[in-house]
Amino acid sequence: MNDTRDELQERITELEIRYAHQEHQIEELNDEVILCHRRLDALEKENRRLRDSLKALTPDTPESPDE
């Protein structure tokens, strides 16, 4: 009976360790996703600004079909 109880306790402890590790990894991944989203937003704003600047330099040029 004690062996079974010890085995169960070991399994529970192992699961708790795994859970804590996974929780930490999820938090790190979430932080990275947030950072990537911020970078993407900044790049989109910069792209928009550059396109507007380019349009201001050549106002009579028609847009290309892929714009």
N, C-alpha and C. Protein backbone atom coordinates (compact mmCIF):
# COMPACT_ATOMS: atom_id res chain seq x y z
N MET A 1 0.83 -1.20 0.00
CA MET A 1 0.00 0.00 0.00
C MET A 1 0.87 1.25 0.00
N ASN A 2 1.93 1.22 0.82
CA ASN A 2 2.83 2.37 0.87
C ASN A 2 3.55 2.59 -0.45
N ASP A 3 3.91 1.47 -1.11
CA ASP A 3 4.58 1.59 -2.42
C ASP A 3 3.68 2.27 -3.43
N THR A 4 2.42 1.90 -3.43
CA THR A 4 1.46 2.51 -4.35
C THR A 4 1.28 3.99 -4.03
N ARG A 5 1.19 4.29 -2.77
CA ARG A 5 1.04 5.69 -2.35
C ARG A 5 2.29 6.49 -2.74
N ASP A 6 3.47 5.92 -2.53
CA ASP A 6 4.72 6.60 -2.90
C ASP A 6 4.80 6.80 -4.41
N GLU A 7 4.40 5.76 -5.14
CA GLU A 7 4.40 5.87 -6.61
C GLU A 7 3.47 6.98 -7.07
N LEU A 8 2.29 7.03 -6.50
CA LEU A 8 1.33 8.08 -6.86
C LEU A 8 1.86 9.46 -6.50
N GLN A 9 2.50 9.57 -5.35
CA GLN A 9 3.07 10.85 -4.94
C GLN A 9 4.17 11.28 -5.90
N GLU A 10 5.01 10.34 -6.32
CA GLU A 10 6.07 10.64 -7.28
C GLU A 10 5.48 11.09 -8.62
N ARG A 11 4.45 10.41 -9.04
CA ARG A 11 3.80 10.78 -10.31
C ARG A 11 3.18 12.17 -10.22
N ILE A 12 2.54 12.46 -9.11
CA ILE A 12 1.94 13.78 -8.92
C ILE A 12 3.02 14.86 -8.92
N THR A 13 4.12 14.59 -8.21
CA THR A 13 5.22 15.54 -8.16
C THR A 13 5.79 15.78 -9.56
N GLU A 14 5.97 14.72 -10.32
CA GLU A 14 6.48 14.84 -11.68
C GLU A 14 5.52 15.66 -12.55
N LEU A 15 4.24 15.42 -12.41
CA LEU A 15 3.25 16.19 -13.18
C LEU A 15 3.26 17.66 -12.79
N GLU A 16 3.41 17.93 -11.51
CA GLU A 16 3.48 19.32 -11.05
C GLU A 16 4.71 20.02 -11.62
N ILE A 17 5.82 19.31 -11.65
CA ILE A 17 7.05 19.89 -12.22
C ILE A 17 6.86 20.18 -13.71
N ARG A 18 6.30 19.23 -14.41
CA ARG A 18 6.04 19.42 -15.85
C ARG A 18 5.09 20.59 -16.08
N TYR A 19 4.05 20.66 -15.28
CA TYR A 19 3.08 21.74 -15.42
C TYR A 19 3.74 23.10 -15.21
N ALA A 20 4.56 23.20 -14.17
CA ALA A 20 5.24 24.47 -13.89
C ALA A 20 6.17 24.84 -15.04
N HIS A 21 6.87 23.87 -15.58
CA HIS A 21 7.78 24.12 -16.71
C HIS A 21 6.99 24.58 -17.94
N GLN A 22 5.91 23.91 -18.23
CA GLN A 22 5.08 24.28 -19.38
C GLN A 22 4.46 25.66 -19.19
N GLU A 23 4.04 25.96 -17.99
CA GLU A 23 3.46 27.27 -17.71
C GLU A 23 4.50 28.37 -17.97
N HIS A 24 5.72 28.12 -17.54
CA HIS A 24 6.81 29.07 -17.76
C HIS A 24 7.08 29.24 -19.25
N GLN A 25 7.11 28.14 -19.99
CA GLN A 25 7.34 28.21 -21.44
C GLN A 25 6.22 28.98 -22.14
N ILE A 26 5.00 28.76 -21.72
CA ILE A 26 3.86 29.48 -22.32
C ILE A 26 3.98 30.97 -22.06
N GLU A 27 4.38 31.35 -20.87
CA GLU A 27 4.57 32.77 -20.55
C GLU A 27 5.67 33.38 -21.43
N GLU A 28 6.77 32.65 -21.60
CA GLU A 28 7.86 33.14 -22.45
C GLU A 28 7.40 33.27 -23.91
N LEU A 29 6.67 32.29 -24.39
CA LEU A 29 6.16 32.35 -25.76
C LEU A 29 5.18 33.51 -25.93
N ASN A 30 4.34 33.71 -24.95
CA ASN A 30 3.40 34.83 -25.01
C ASN A 30 4.13 36.16 -25.06
N ASP A 31 5.18 36.31 -24.26
CA ASP A 31 5.98 37.53 -24.28
C ASP A 31 6.60 37.74 -25.67
N GLU A 32 7.07 36.67 -26.27
CA GLU A 32 7.67 36.77 -27.61
C GLU A 32 6.63 37.14 -28.65
N VAL A 33 5.43 36.59 -28.55
CA VAL A 33 4.36 36.93 -29.48
C VAL A 33 4.00 38.41 -29.35
N ILE A 34 3.93 38.89 -28.13
CA ILE A 34 3.63 40.31 -27.90
C ILE A 34 4.72 41.18 -28.53
N LEU A 35 5.98 40.80 -28.33
CA LEU A 35 7.08 41.56 -28.90
C LEU A 35 7.02 41.55 -30.43
N CYS A 36 6.75 40.40 -31.01
CA CYS A 36 6.64 40.30 -32.47
C CYS A 36 5.48 41.16 -32.99
N HIS A 37 4.39 41.18 -32.27
CA HIS A 37 3.25 41.99 -32.68
C HIS A 37 3.61 43.47 -32.66
N ARG A 38 4.33 43.89 -31.64
CA ARG A 38 4.76 45.29 -31.57
C ARG A 38 5.71 45.64 -32.71
N ARG A 39 6.63 44.72 -33.01
CA ARG A 39 7.56 44.95 -34.12
C ARG A 39 6.79 45.03 -35.44
N LEU A 40 5.84 44.16 -35.62
CA LEU A 40 5.04 44.17 -36.85
C LEU A 40 4.27 45.47 -36.97
N ASP A 41 3.66 45.93 -35.89
CA ASP A 41 2.95 47.21 -35.91
C ASP A 41 3.88 48.35 -36.31
N ALA A 42 5.08 48.36 -35.72
CA ALA A 42 6.04 49.42 -36.04
C ALA A 42 6.45 49.35 -37.51
N LEU A 43 6.67 48.16 -38.02
CA LEU A 43 7.06 48.01 -39.43
C LEU A 43 5.93 48.44 -40.36
N GLU A 44 4.70 48.12 -40.00
CA GLU A 44 3.56 48.53 -40.82
C GLU A 44 3.45 50.06 -40.85
N LYS A 45 3.64 50.69 -39.70
CA LYS A 45 3.59 52.16 -39.65
C LYS A 45 4.71 52.77 -40.49
N GLU A 46 5.91 52.21 -40.37
CA GLU A 46 7.04 52.70 -41.16
C GLU A 46 6.80 52.50 -42.65
N ASN A 47 6.27 51.37 -43.02
CA ASN A 47 5.95 51.08 -44.41
C ASN A 47 4.93 52.10 -44.94
N ARG A 48 3.91 52.35 -44.16
CA ARG A 48 2.89 53.33 -44.54
C ARG A 48 3.51 54.72 -44.72
N ARG A 49 4.38 55.10 -43.77
CA ARG A 49 5.03 56.41 -43.84
C ARG A 49 5.90 56.51 -45.09
N LEU A 50 6.66 55.46 -45.38
CA LEU A 50 7.52 55.48 -46.57
C LEU A 50 6.71 55.52 -47.86
N ARG A 51 5.61 54.78 -47.89
CA ARG A 51 4.75 54.82 -49.09
C ARG A 51 4.15 56.20 -49.29
N ASP A 52 3.71 56.83 -48.19
CA ASP A 52 3.16 58.18 -48.29
C ASP A 52 4.23 59.17 -48.77
N SER A 53 5.44 59.02 -48.26
CA SER A 53 6.54 59.90 -48.69
C SER A 53 6.84 59.70 -50.17
N LEU A 54 6.84 58.46 -50.61
CA LEU A 54 7.10 58.16 -52.01
C LEU A 54 5.99 58.73 -52.90
N LYS A 55 4.74 58.59 -52.47
CA LYS A 55 3.62 59.14 -53.23
C LYS A 55 3.72 60.65 -53.33
N ALA A 56 4.19 61.30 -52.27
CA ALA A 56 4.32 62.75 -52.27
C ALA A 56 5.39 63.20 -53.27
N LEU A 57 6.39 62.36 -53.49
CA LEU A 57 7.45 62.69 -54.44
C LEU A 57 7.01 62.51 -55.88
N THR A 58 6.11 61.59 -56.12
CA THR A 58 5.66 61.29 -57.48
C THR A 58 4.14 61.24 -57.52
N PRO A 59 3.48 62.38 -57.38
CA PRO A 59 2.01 62.38 -57.29
C PRO A 59 1.30 62.02 -58.59
N ASP A 60 1.93 62.22 -59.75
CA ASP A 60 1.26 61.94 -61.02
C ASP A 60 1.48 60.53 -61.53
N THR A 61 2.25 59.75 -60.84
CA THR A 61 2.54 58.38 -61.27
C THR A 61 1.39 57.45 -60.83
N PRO A 62 0.81 56.72 -61.78
CA PRO A 62 -0.27 55.79 -61.39
C PRO A 62 0.30 54.65 -60.54
N GLU A 63 -0.57 54.13 -59.67
CA GLU A 63 -0.15 53.02 -58.81
C GLU A 63 0.04 51.77 -59.64
N SER A 64 0.97 50.93 -59.19
CA SER A 64 1.17 49.65 -59.88
C SER A 64 0.01 48.73 -59.52
N PRO A 65 -0.24 47.72 -60.34
CA PRO A 65 -1.38 46.80 -60.08
C PRO A 65 -1.28 46.04 -58.76
N ASP A 66 -0.07 45.86 -58.22
CA ASP A 66 0.04 45.11 -56.99
C ASP A 66 -0.07 45.97 -55.74
N GLU A 67 -0.44 47.23 -55.85
CA GLU A 67 -0.64 48.10 -54.69
C GLU A 67 -2.09 48.19 -54.33
